[in-house]
N, C-alpha and C. Protein backbone atom coordinates (compact mmCIF):
# COMPACT_ATOMS: atom_id res chain seq x y z
N MET A 1 87.42 -42.71 64.91
CA MET A 1 86.59 -41.70 65.25
C MET A 1 87.34 -40.35 65.32
N SER A 2 88.44 -40.46 65.70
CA SER A 2 89.21 -39.26 65.80
C SER A 2 89.41 -38.65 64.43
N LEU A 3 89.41 -39.45 63.49
CA LEU A 3 89.56 -38.96 62.14
C LEU A 3 88.31 -38.17 61.71
N ILE A 4 87.25 -38.62 62.12
CA ILE A 4 86.01 -37.96 61.76
C ILE A 4 85.97 -36.62 62.48
N LEU A 5 86.44 -36.66 63.71
CA LEU A 5 86.39 -35.43 64.46
C LEU A 5 87.34 -34.42 63.84
N LEU A 6 88.44 -34.90 63.41
CA LEU A 6 89.41 -34.02 62.80
C LEU A 6 88.83 -33.42 61.51
N ALA A 7 88.18 -34.24 60.75
CA ALA A 7 87.62 -33.75 59.49
C ALA A 7 86.50 -32.77 59.79
N ALA A 8 85.76 -33.05 60.83
CA ALA A 8 84.67 -32.16 61.18
C ALA A 8 85.22 -30.87 61.69
N ASP A 9 86.31 -30.95 62.39
CA ASP A 9 86.94 -29.77 62.92
C ASP A 9 87.48 -28.92 61.78
N ALA A 10 88.07 -29.57 60.79
CA ALA A 10 88.65 -28.83 59.68
C ALA A 10 87.57 -28.15 58.87
N THR A 11 86.50 -28.83 58.66
CA THR A 11 85.42 -28.22 57.90
C THR A 11 84.73 -27.18 58.73
N GLY A 12 84.66 -27.39 60.00
CA GLY A 12 83.99 -26.44 60.87
C GLY A 12 84.73 -25.14 60.90
N THR A 13 86.06 -25.17 60.97
CA THR A 13 86.81 -23.95 61.00
C THR A 13 86.77 -23.27 59.65
N ALA A 14 86.77 -24.10 58.60
CA ALA A 14 86.70 -23.52 57.27
C ALA A 14 85.32 -22.92 57.05
N ALA A 15 84.34 -23.56 57.60
CA ALA A 15 82.98 -23.06 57.42
C ALA A 15 82.77 -21.81 58.21
N GLU A 16 83.45 -21.69 59.30
CA GLU A 16 83.28 -20.51 60.13
C GLU A 16 83.88 -19.30 59.45
N SER A 17 84.93 -19.50 58.67
CA SER A 17 85.58 -18.37 58.05
C SER A 17 84.81 -17.86 56.83
N GLU A 18 84.03 -18.67 56.20
CA GLU A 18 83.25 -18.26 55.04
C GLU A 18 81.88 -17.77 55.45
N ASN A 19 81.29 -16.84 54.63
CA ASN A 19 79.95 -16.32 54.87
C ASN A 19 78.96 -17.32 54.29
N PRO A 20 78.01 -17.77 55.07
CA PRO A 20 77.08 -18.76 54.55
C PRO A 20 76.11 -18.17 53.51
N LEU A 21 75.92 -16.89 53.50
CA LEU A 21 75.00 -16.30 52.55
C LEU A 21 75.67 -15.95 51.22
N ALA A 22 76.92 -15.86 51.18
CA ALA A 22 77.63 -15.52 49.96
C ALA A 22 77.78 -16.77 49.10
N PRO A 23 77.36 -16.65 47.78
CA PRO A 23 77.44 -17.82 46.92
C PRO A 23 78.90 -18.11 46.54
N LYS A 24 79.14 -19.38 46.25
CA LYS A 24 80.48 -19.80 45.85
C LYS A 24 80.61 -19.57 44.36
N LEU A 25 81.81 -19.42 43.89
CA LEU A 25 82.10 -19.15 42.49
C LEU A 25 81.63 -20.29 41.60
N VAL A 26 81.74 -21.50 42.01
CA VAL A 26 81.33 -22.66 41.23
C VAL A 26 79.81 -22.62 41.03
N GLU A 27 79.10 -22.27 42.04
CA GLU A 27 77.63 -22.21 41.95
C GLU A 27 77.21 -21.09 40.99
N ILE A 28 77.92 -19.97 41.02
CA ILE A 28 77.59 -18.85 40.12
C ILE A 28 77.84 -19.26 38.69
N ILE A 29 78.93 -19.91 38.41
CA ILE A 29 79.26 -20.34 37.05
C ILE A 29 78.26 -21.39 36.59
N LEU A 30 77.98 -22.36 37.47
CA LEU A 30 77.02 -23.40 37.12
C LEU A 30 75.65 -22.78 36.86
N ALA A 31 75.22 -21.81 37.64
CA ALA A 31 73.93 -21.16 37.44
C ALA A 31 73.92 -20.39 36.13
N LEU A 32 75.02 -19.71 35.77
CA LEU A 32 75.09 -18.98 34.49
C LEU A 32 75.04 -19.95 33.31
N VAL A 33 75.69 -21.10 33.41
CA VAL A 33 75.67 -22.07 32.32
C VAL A 33 74.26 -22.63 32.16
N VAL A 34 73.61 -22.99 33.25
CA VAL A 34 72.24 -23.53 33.18
C VAL A 34 71.30 -22.45 32.64
N PHE A 35 71.46 -21.20 33.10
CA PHE A 35 70.62 -20.10 32.62
C PHE A 35 70.84 -19.91 31.12
N GLY A 36 72.08 -19.96 30.67
CA GLY A 36 72.39 -19.81 29.25
C GLY A 36 71.77 -20.92 28.44
N LEU A 37 71.86 -22.17 28.93
CA LEU A 37 71.24 -23.28 28.21
C LEU A 37 69.70 -23.12 28.14
N LEU A 38 69.11 -22.73 29.25
CA LEU A 38 67.66 -22.52 29.25
C LEU A 38 67.27 -21.36 28.33
N TYR A 39 68.07 -20.28 28.35
CA TYR A 39 67.78 -19.13 27.48
C TYR A 39 67.89 -19.55 26.02
N PHE A 40 68.95 -20.32 25.70
CA PHE A 40 69.15 -20.78 24.33
C PHE A 40 67.98 -21.68 23.90
N ALA A 41 67.57 -22.63 24.77
CA ALA A 41 66.46 -23.54 24.45
C ALA A 41 65.16 -22.73 24.29
N PHE A 42 64.95 -21.78 25.17
CA PHE A 42 63.75 -20.94 25.08
C PHE A 42 63.75 -20.16 23.78
N LYS A 43 64.90 -19.54 23.47
CA LYS A 43 65.03 -18.72 22.27
C LYS A 43 64.92 -19.58 21.01
N LYS A 44 65.45 -20.78 21.04
CA LYS A 44 65.50 -21.64 19.86
C LYS A 44 64.15 -22.30 19.59
N TRP A 45 63.49 -22.85 20.62
CA TRP A 45 62.30 -23.65 20.37
C TRP A 45 61.00 -23.01 20.87
N LEU A 46 60.99 -22.43 21.99
CA LEU A 46 59.74 -21.92 22.54
C LEU A 46 59.37 -20.54 22.00
N SER A 47 60.34 -19.66 21.90
CA SER A 47 60.06 -18.30 21.45
C SER A 47 59.47 -18.26 20.04
N PRO A 48 59.98 -19.03 19.05
CA PRO A 48 59.35 -19.02 17.72
C PRO A 48 57.90 -19.51 17.74
N ASN A 49 57.64 -20.50 18.58
CA ASN A 49 56.26 -20.99 18.70
C ASN A 49 55.35 -19.90 19.25
N PHE A 50 55.85 -19.20 20.27
CA PHE A 50 55.08 -18.08 20.82
C PHE A 50 54.88 -17.00 19.77
N GLU A 51 55.93 -16.69 19.01
CA GLU A 51 55.84 -15.66 17.97
C GLU A 51 54.83 -16.06 16.89
N ARG A 52 54.91 -17.33 16.44
CA ARG A 52 53.97 -17.80 15.41
C ARG A 52 52.53 -17.73 15.94
N THR A 53 52.33 -18.15 17.15
CA THR A 53 51.00 -18.10 17.75
C THR A 53 50.52 -16.66 17.87
N PHE A 54 51.42 -15.77 18.32
CA PHE A 54 51.07 -14.35 18.46
C PHE A 54 50.72 -13.75 17.09
N VAL A 55 51.56 -14.05 16.06
CA VAL A 55 51.30 -13.52 14.71
C VAL A 55 49.99 -14.09 14.17
N ALA A 56 49.75 -15.39 14.37
CA ALA A 56 48.52 -16.01 13.87
C ALA A 56 47.30 -15.40 14.55
N ARG A 57 47.40 -15.19 15.85
CA ARG A 57 46.27 -14.58 16.55
C ARG A 57 46.06 -13.14 16.11
N THR A 58 47.16 -12.41 15.91
CA THR A 58 47.06 -11.03 15.45
C THR A 58 46.41 -10.97 14.07
N GLN A 59 46.87 -11.86 13.17
CA GLN A 59 46.28 -11.90 11.83
C GLN A 59 44.81 -12.31 11.88
N ALA A 60 44.52 -13.28 12.75
CA ALA A 60 43.13 -13.72 12.87
C ALA A 60 42.25 -12.57 13.39
N ILE A 61 42.75 -11.84 14.36
CA ILE A 61 41.98 -10.72 14.90
C ILE A 61 41.82 -9.63 13.85
N GLU A 62 42.94 -9.29 13.16
CA GLU A 62 42.85 -8.26 12.11
C GLU A 62 41.94 -8.72 10.98
N GLY A 63 42.05 -9.99 10.59
CA GLY A 63 41.17 -10.53 9.54
C GLY A 63 39.72 -10.51 9.98
N GLY A 64 39.50 -10.86 11.24
CA GLY A 64 38.13 -10.80 11.78
C GLY A 64 37.60 -9.38 11.78
N LEU A 65 38.46 -8.42 12.14
CA LEU A 65 38.03 -7.02 12.13
C LEU A 65 37.73 -6.55 10.70
N LYS A 66 38.62 -6.94 9.75
CA LYS A 66 38.38 -6.56 8.36
C LYS A 66 37.10 -7.23 7.84
N ALA A 67 36.92 -8.51 8.18
CA ALA A 67 35.70 -9.20 7.75
C ALA A 67 34.47 -8.55 8.38
N ALA A 68 34.59 -8.17 9.65
CA ALA A 68 33.47 -7.51 10.31
C ALA A 68 33.18 -6.16 9.66
N GLU A 69 34.24 -5.41 9.32
CA GLU A 69 34.03 -4.13 8.64
C GLU A 69 33.39 -4.34 7.28
N THR A 70 33.86 -5.38 6.56
CA THR A 70 33.28 -5.69 5.24
C THR A 70 31.81 -6.08 5.39
N LYS A 71 31.54 -6.93 6.36
CA LYS A 71 30.15 -7.36 6.58
C LYS A 71 29.29 -6.17 7.01
N GLN A 72 29.84 -5.29 7.82
CA GLN A 72 29.10 -4.11 8.25
C GLN A 72 28.81 -3.20 7.06
N ALA A 73 29.82 -3.02 6.19
CA ALA A 73 29.61 -2.20 5.00
C ALA A 73 28.56 -2.84 4.09
N GLU A 74 28.64 -4.16 3.92
CA GLU A 74 27.64 -4.86 3.10
C GLU A 74 26.25 -4.73 3.73
N ALA A 75 26.18 -4.86 5.04
CA ALA A 75 24.90 -4.74 5.74
C ALA A 75 24.35 -3.32 5.58
N ASP A 76 25.23 -2.32 5.70
CA ASP A 76 24.78 -0.93 5.51
C ASP A 76 24.29 -0.70 4.09
N ALA A 77 25.03 -1.25 3.11
CA ALA A 77 24.61 -1.10 1.71
C ALA A 77 23.28 -1.80 1.48
N ARG A 78 23.14 -3.00 2.04
CA ARG A 78 21.89 -3.75 1.89
C ARG A 78 20.73 -3.01 2.56
N LEU A 79 20.99 -2.45 3.73
CA LEU A 79 19.97 -1.69 4.44
C LEU A 79 19.54 -0.47 3.63
N ALA A 80 20.53 0.23 3.06
CA ALA A 80 20.20 1.40 2.23
C ALA A 80 19.38 0.98 1.02
N GLU A 81 19.76 -0.17 0.40
CA GLU A 81 19.02 -0.67 -0.76
C GLU A 81 17.59 -1.04 -0.36
N LEU A 82 17.44 -1.71 0.77
CA LEU A 82 16.11 -2.08 1.24
C LEU A 82 15.27 -0.86 1.58
N GLU A 83 15.89 0.15 2.19
CA GLU A 83 15.16 1.38 2.49
C GLU A 83 14.72 2.08 1.21
N GLU A 84 15.60 2.05 0.19
CA GLU A 84 15.25 2.65 -1.10
C GLU A 84 14.09 1.89 -1.74
N ARG A 85 14.16 0.55 -1.68
CA ARG A 85 13.07 -0.26 -2.24
C ARG A 85 11.77 0.00 -1.48
N LEU A 86 11.88 0.12 -0.16
CA LEU A 86 10.69 0.40 0.65
C LEU A 86 10.10 1.75 0.26
N GLY A 87 10.96 2.75 0.06
CA GLY A 87 10.48 4.06 -0.38
C GLY A 87 9.81 3.97 -1.74
N GLN A 88 10.42 3.20 -2.65
CA GLN A 88 9.82 3.04 -3.98
C GLN A 88 8.49 2.30 -3.87
N ALA A 89 8.44 1.28 -3.00
CA ALA A 89 7.19 0.53 -2.82
C ALA A 89 6.10 1.43 -2.25
N LYS A 90 6.46 2.28 -1.30
CA LYS A 90 5.48 3.21 -0.74
C LYS A 90 4.99 4.18 -1.81
N HIS A 91 5.93 4.68 -2.62
CA HIS A 91 5.58 5.60 -3.70
C HIS A 91 4.66 4.90 -4.70
N GLU A 92 5.01 3.66 -5.05
CA GLU A 92 4.20 2.89 -6.00
C GLU A 92 2.81 2.62 -5.42
N ALA A 93 2.76 2.29 -4.13
CA ALA A 93 1.46 2.05 -3.49
C ALA A 93 0.61 3.32 -3.50
N ALA A 94 1.24 4.46 -3.23
CA ALA A 94 0.50 5.73 -3.25
C ALA A 94 0.00 6.02 -4.66
N ARG A 95 0.83 5.74 -5.66
CA ARG A 95 0.43 5.97 -7.05
C ARG A 95 -0.74 5.05 -7.42
N ILE A 96 -0.66 3.78 -7.00
CA ILE A 96 -1.73 2.84 -7.31
C ILE A 96 -3.02 3.25 -6.61
N ARG A 97 -2.90 3.70 -5.34
CA ARG A 97 -4.10 4.17 -4.63
C ARG A 97 -4.71 5.36 -5.34
N GLU A 98 -3.87 6.28 -5.80
CA GLU A 98 -4.37 7.47 -6.49
C GLU A 98 -5.05 7.07 -7.80
N GLU A 99 -4.43 6.13 -8.54
CA GLU A 99 -5.04 5.66 -9.79
C GLU A 99 -6.37 4.99 -9.50
N ALA A 100 -6.41 4.17 -8.43
CA ALA A 100 -7.66 3.49 -8.07
C ALA A 100 -8.72 4.52 -7.68
N ARG A 101 -8.31 5.55 -6.95
CA ARG A 101 -9.26 6.60 -6.56
C ARG A 101 -9.80 7.30 -7.81
N GLU A 102 -8.89 7.61 -8.76
CA GLU A 102 -9.31 8.27 -9.99
C GLU A 102 -10.24 7.36 -10.81
N GLN A 103 -9.86 6.07 -10.89
CA GLN A 103 -10.71 5.13 -11.64
C GLN A 103 -12.07 4.99 -10.96
N GLY A 104 -12.07 4.96 -9.62
CA GLY A 104 -13.33 4.88 -8.90
C GLY A 104 -14.20 6.10 -9.18
N ALA A 105 -13.57 7.28 -9.16
CA ALA A 105 -14.33 8.50 -9.45
C ALA A 105 -14.85 8.48 -10.88
N GLN A 106 -14.02 7.99 -11.80
CA GLN A 106 -14.43 7.90 -13.19
C GLN A 106 -15.59 6.90 -13.35
N ILE A 107 -15.49 5.76 -12.65
CA ILE A 107 -16.56 4.77 -12.72
C ILE A 107 -17.85 5.34 -12.15
N VAL A 108 -17.72 6.06 -11.02
CA VAL A 108 -18.92 6.68 -10.41
C VAL A 108 -19.52 7.69 -11.38
N ALA A 109 -18.66 8.51 -12.02
CA ALA A 109 -19.16 9.50 -12.98
C ALA A 109 -19.83 8.80 -14.16
N GLU A 110 -19.21 7.72 -14.66
CA GLU A 110 -19.81 6.99 -15.77
C GLU A 110 -21.14 6.37 -15.37
N MET A 111 -21.17 5.78 -14.17
CA MET A 111 -22.41 5.17 -13.69
C MET A 111 -23.49 6.24 -13.50
N ARG A 112 -23.10 7.42 -12.99
CA ARG A 112 -24.05 8.51 -12.81
C ARG A 112 -24.59 8.96 -14.17
N ALA A 113 -23.68 9.12 -15.15
CA ALA A 113 -24.11 9.54 -16.48
C ALA A 113 -25.01 8.48 -17.10
N GLN A 114 -24.62 7.20 -16.91
CA GLN A 114 -25.42 6.12 -17.45
C GLN A 114 -26.80 6.10 -16.78
N ALA A 115 -26.83 6.33 -15.46
CA ALA A 115 -28.11 6.36 -14.75
C ALA A 115 -28.96 7.54 -15.22
N GLN A 116 -28.33 8.70 -15.44
CA GLN A 116 -29.07 9.85 -15.93
C GLN A 116 -29.61 9.59 -17.34
N ASN A 117 -28.77 8.99 -18.18
CA ASN A 117 -29.23 8.65 -19.53
C ASN A 117 -30.39 7.67 -19.48
N GLU A 118 -30.26 6.65 -18.61
CA GLU A 118 -31.33 5.67 -18.47
C GLU A 118 -32.59 6.33 -17.93
N SER A 119 -32.40 7.23 -16.95
CA SER A 119 -33.55 7.96 -16.40
C SER A 119 -34.21 8.81 -17.48
N ALA A 120 -33.42 9.51 -18.26
CA ALA A 120 -33.96 10.34 -19.34
C ALA A 120 -34.68 9.47 -20.37
N ARG A 121 -34.09 8.30 -20.66
CA ARG A 121 -34.72 7.38 -21.62
C ARG A 121 -36.05 6.87 -21.07
N ILE A 122 -36.07 6.54 -19.78
CA ILE A 122 -37.31 6.04 -19.17
C ILE A 122 -38.37 7.15 -19.15
N VAL A 123 -37.93 8.38 -18.79
CA VAL A 123 -38.87 9.51 -18.77
C VAL A 123 -39.40 9.76 -20.18
N GLU A 124 -38.51 9.74 -21.16
CA GLU A 124 -38.93 9.97 -22.55
C GLU A 124 -39.88 8.86 -23.01
N HIS A 125 -39.55 7.63 -22.65
CA HIS A 125 -40.43 6.51 -23.01
C HIS A 125 -41.79 6.68 -22.32
N GLY A 126 -41.74 7.09 -21.04
CA GLY A 126 -42.99 7.32 -20.30
C GLY A 126 -43.81 8.43 -20.94
N LYS A 127 -43.12 9.52 -21.33
CA LYS A 127 -43.83 10.63 -21.97
C LYS A 127 -44.46 10.18 -23.29
N SER A 128 -43.69 9.44 -24.08
CA SER A 128 -44.23 8.99 -25.37
C SER A 128 -45.39 8.01 -25.14
N GLN A 129 -45.26 7.18 -24.11
CA GLN A 129 -46.36 6.26 -23.82
C GLN A 129 -47.59 7.03 -23.33
N ILE A 130 -47.36 8.03 -22.48
CA ILE A 130 -48.48 8.86 -22.01
C ILE A 130 -49.13 9.59 -23.18
N GLU A 131 -48.28 10.13 -24.07
CA GLU A 131 -48.81 10.84 -25.24
C GLU A 131 -49.63 9.90 -26.11
N ALA A 132 -49.12 8.67 -26.29
CA ALA A 132 -49.86 7.69 -27.10
C ALA A 132 -51.19 7.36 -26.44
N GLU A 133 -51.13 7.16 -25.10
CA GLU A 133 -52.37 6.86 -24.38
C GLU A 133 -53.32 8.05 -24.43
N ARG A 134 -52.80 9.28 -24.35
CA ARG A 134 -53.63 10.48 -24.44
C ARG A 134 -54.28 10.57 -25.81
N GLN A 135 -53.48 10.31 -26.85
CA GLN A 135 -54.03 10.35 -28.21
C GLN A 135 -55.12 9.29 -28.37
N GLN A 136 -54.83 8.13 -27.78
CA GLN A 136 -55.83 7.06 -27.85
C GLN A 136 -57.10 7.46 -27.09
N ALA A 137 -56.89 8.09 -25.89
CA ALA A 137 -58.06 8.53 -25.11
C ALA A 137 -58.81 9.62 -25.84
N VAL A 138 -58.06 10.58 -26.46
CA VAL A 138 -58.71 11.66 -27.20
C VAL A 138 -59.50 11.08 -28.36
N THR A 139 -58.90 10.14 -29.06
CA THR A 139 -59.59 9.53 -30.19
C THR A 139 -60.85 8.80 -29.71
N SER A 140 -60.69 8.07 -28.62
CA SER A 140 -61.83 7.34 -28.06
C SER A 140 -62.91 8.31 -27.59
N LEU A 141 -62.46 9.38 -26.91
CA LEU A 141 -63.43 10.38 -26.43
C LEU A 141 -64.12 11.07 -27.60
N ARG A 142 -63.35 11.40 -28.64
CA ARG A 142 -63.95 12.05 -29.81
C ARG A 142 -65.05 11.17 -30.42
N ALA A 143 -64.70 9.90 -30.51
CA ALA A 143 -65.70 9.00 -31.11
C ALA A 143 -66.93 8.93 -30.22
N GLU A 144 -66.70 8.82 -28.91
CA GLU A 144 -67.81 8.71 -27.98
C GLU A 144 -68.60 10.01 -27.91
N VAL A 145 -67.86 11.15 -27.81
CA VAL A 145 -68.52 12.45 -27.75
C VAL A 145 -69.27 12.69 -29.06
N GLY A 146 -68.65 12.28 -30.16
CA GLY A 146 -69.30 12.45 -31.47
C GLY A 146 -70.61 11.69 -31.55
N SER A 147 -70.60 10.45 -31.10
CA SER A 147 -71.84 9.66 -31.18
C SER A 147 -72.88 10.23 -30.22
N LEU A 148 -72.42 10.64 -29.02
CA LEU A 148 -73.36 11.26 -28.08
C LEU A 148 -73.91 12.57 -28.64
N ALA A 149 -73.00 13.38 -29.21
CA ALA A 149 -73.43 14.67 -29.78
C ALA A 149 -74.39 14.44 -30.94
N THR A 150 -74.14 13.44 -31.75
CA THR A 150 -75.01 13.15 -32.90
C THR A 150 -76.38 12.72 -32.42
N SER A 151 -76.38 11.83 -31.43
CA SER A 151 -77.70 11.38 -30.94
C SER A 151 -78.43 12.52 -30.23
N LEU A 152 -77.69 13.37 -29.50
CA LEU A 152 -78.30 14.51 -28.82
C LEU A 152 -78.82 15.52 -29.84
N ALA A 153 -78.02 15.80 -30.83
CA ALA A 153 -78.44 16.74 -31.87
C ALA A 153 -79.66 16.19 -32.61
N GLY A 154 -79.66 14.89 -32.83
CA GLY A 154 -80.80 14.26 -33.50
C GLY A 154 -82.03 14.40 -32.65
N ARG A 155 -81.91 14.28 -31.38
CA ARG A 155 -83.07 14.42 -30.50
C ARG A 155 -83.54 15.86 -30.47
N ILE A 156 -82.58 16.79 -30.42
CA ILE A 156 -82.95 18.20 -30.35
C ILE A 156 -83.59 18.62 -31.66
N VAL A 157 -82.99 18.31 -32.74
CA VAL A 157 -83.49 18.72 -34.05
C VAL A 157 -84.73 17.89 -34.40
N GLY A 158 -84.75 16.71 -33.92
CA GLY A 158 -85.88 15.85 -34.22
C GLY A 158 -85.64 15.04 -35.47
N GLU A 159 -84.48 15.13 -36.04
CA GLU A 159 -84.16 14.36 -37.24
C GLU A 159 -83.00 13.44 -36.92
N ALA A 160 -82.94 12.40 -37.57
CA ALA A 160 -81.84 11.45 -37.40
C ALA A 160 -80.68 11.90 -38.27
N LEU A 161 -79.54 11.99 -37.65
CA LEU A 161 -78.34 12.38 -38.39
C LEU A 161 -77.54 11.11 -38.67
N GLU A 162 -77.98 10.41 -39.65
CA GLU A 162 -77.34 9.14 -39.90
C GLU A 162 -76.33 9.22 -41.01
N ASP A 163 -76.25 10.32 -41.64
CA ASP A 163 -75.24 10.47 -42.68
C ASP A 163 -73.89 10.61 -42.00
N ASP A 164 -73.01 9.71 -42.28
CA ASP A 164 -71.71 9.69 -41.59
C ASP A 164 -70.87 10.91 -41.93
N ALA A 165 -70.87 11.31 -43.13
CA ALA A 165 -70.06 12.44 -43.52
C ALA A 165 -70.54 13.69 -42.83
N ARG A 166 -71.82 13.87 -42.83
CA ARG A 166 -72.37 15.05 -42.20
C ARG A 166 -72.13 15.00 -40.69
N SER A 167 -72.36 13.86 -40.07
CA SER A 167 -72.18 13.74 -38.63
C SER A 167 -70.72 13.95 -38.24
N ASN A 168 -69.82 13.50 -39.07
CA ASN A 168 -68.38 13.71 -38.81
C ASN A 168 -68.04 15.19 -38.89
N ARG A 169 -68.59 15.90 -39.84
CA ARG A 169 -68.33 17.33 -39.96
C ARG A 169 -68.89 18.06 -38.75
N VAL A 170 -70.07 17.70 -38.31
CA VAL A 170 -70.68 18.34 -37.15
C VAL A 170 -69.84 18.09 -35.91
N ILE A 171 -69.40 16.86 -35.76
CA ILE A 171 -68.58 16.49 -34.60
C ILE A 171 -67.26 17.23 -34.61
N ASP A 172 -66.61 17.28 -35.77
CA ASP A 172 -65.33 17.97 -35.87
C ASP A 172 -65.50 19.45 -35.56
N ARG A 173 -66.56 20.06 -36.07
CA ARG A 173 -66.80 21.46 -35.80
C ARG A 173 -67.06 21.70 -34.31
N PHE A 174 -67.83 20.81 -33.70
CA PHE A 174 -68.15 20.93 -32.29
C PHE A 174 -66.88 20.81 -31.44
N LEU A 175 -66.05 19.83 -31.75
CA LEU A 175 -64.80 19.62 -31.00
C LEU A 175 -63.83 20.77 -31.23
N ALA A 176 -63.79 21.30 -32.43
CA ALA A 176 -62.92 22.44 -32.71
C ALA A 176 -63.37 23.65 -31.90
N ASP A 177 -64.68 23.83 -31.81
CA ASP A 177 -65.20 24.93 -30.99
C ASP A 177 -64.83 24.73 -29.52
N LEU A 178 -64.91 23.50 -29.05
CA LEU A 178 -64.52 23.20 -27.67
C LEU A 178 -63.04 23.50 -27.42
N GLU A 179 -62.22 23.09 -28.35
CA GLU A 179 -60.76 23.32 -28.21
C GLU A 179 -60.47 24.81 -28.25
N THR A 180 -61.16 25.57 -29.07
CA THR A 180 -60.96 27.00 -29.15
C THR A 180 -61.36 27.65 -27.85
N MET A 181 -62.46 27.21 -27.30
CA MET A 181 -62.90 27.76 -26.02
C MET A 181 -61.91 27.41 -24.90
N GLU A 182 -61.43 26.21 -24.93
CA GLU A 182 -60.46 25.79 -23.90
C GLU A 182 -59.16 26.56 -24.04
N SER A 183 -58.71 26.80 -25.27
CA SER A 183 -57.49 27.59 -25.50
C SER A 183 -57.67 29.01 -25.04
N ALA A 184 -58.86 29.56 -25.27
CA ALA A 184 -59.14 30.93 -24.85
C ALA A 184 -59.13 31.01 -23.33
N LYS A 185 -59.68 30.02 -22.63
CA LYS A 185 -59.67 29.99 -21.17
C LYS A 185 -58.25 29.89 -20.65
N THR A 186 -57.44 29.06 -21.26
CA THR A 186 -56.05 28.88 -20.83
C THR A 186 -55.26 30.15 -21.02
N ALA A 187 -55.48 30.84 -22.17
CA ALA A 187 -54.79 32.10 -22.43
C ALA A 187 -55.24 33.16 -21.46
N ALA A 188 -56.53 33.20 -21.13
CA ALA A 188 -57.04 34.17 -20.19
C ALA A 188 -56.48 33.90 -18.81
N GLY A 189 -56.32 32.63 -18.44
CA GLY A 189 -55.74 32.26 -17.14
C GLY A 189 -54.30 32.70 -17.05
N HIS A 190 -53.54 32.60 -18.13
CA HIS A 190 -52.14 33.04 -18.16
C HIS A 190 -52.03 34.56 -18.05
N ASP A 191 -52.99 35.27 -18.70
CA ASP A 191 -52.97 36.73 -18.65
C ASP A 191 -53.23 37.21 -17.23
N GLU A 192 -54.14 36.53 -16.51
CA GLU A 192 -54.45 36.94 -15.15
C GLU A 192 -53.26 36.71 -14.23
N VAL A 193 -52.51 35.63 -14.45
CA VAL A 193 -51.34 35.31 -13.60
C VAL A 193 -50.26 36.34 -13.82
N VAL A 194 -50.08 36.78 -15.07
CA VAL A 194 -49.02 37.73 -15.39
C VAL A 194 -49.42 39.05 -14.86
């Protein structure tokens, strides 16, 4: 036991003379060697991996930015093209509307002209039909007036006017006198109006 005490005493006095906070030279050298080995291992194996990862990420980000810029430029070009097509489509639609409006006006004008022509044709047909009916009525009236005039003249004169040629001449003369009198009345009526 005394040996232990002696050893403890020797270390105790030696320990008292040294500063407990000051590192020993062996510890400093050992720490520098371990630090150097760790630095070498880090520099040799870990640092290149970090660099490769950093470069890959940088390239990926730059490539993504370039791709985004390219896509943005393509999108802008496509948008401009679509806007141009839309403008052309609007212009074309306006042109088609204008053509349709012009064609509609032309069709209306043609239909109006066709209706006027048809109306004029119907009026002309009506006039010719009226004229034909008037001529027929005049002819019928002449024959009737002639026979009445002949029988009346026969009664007045007391003779029968059965000679057709003579009765026709008398009738024609009588009707001509009537027409002359009617024309004179019409002319006199026009003179009074003027």
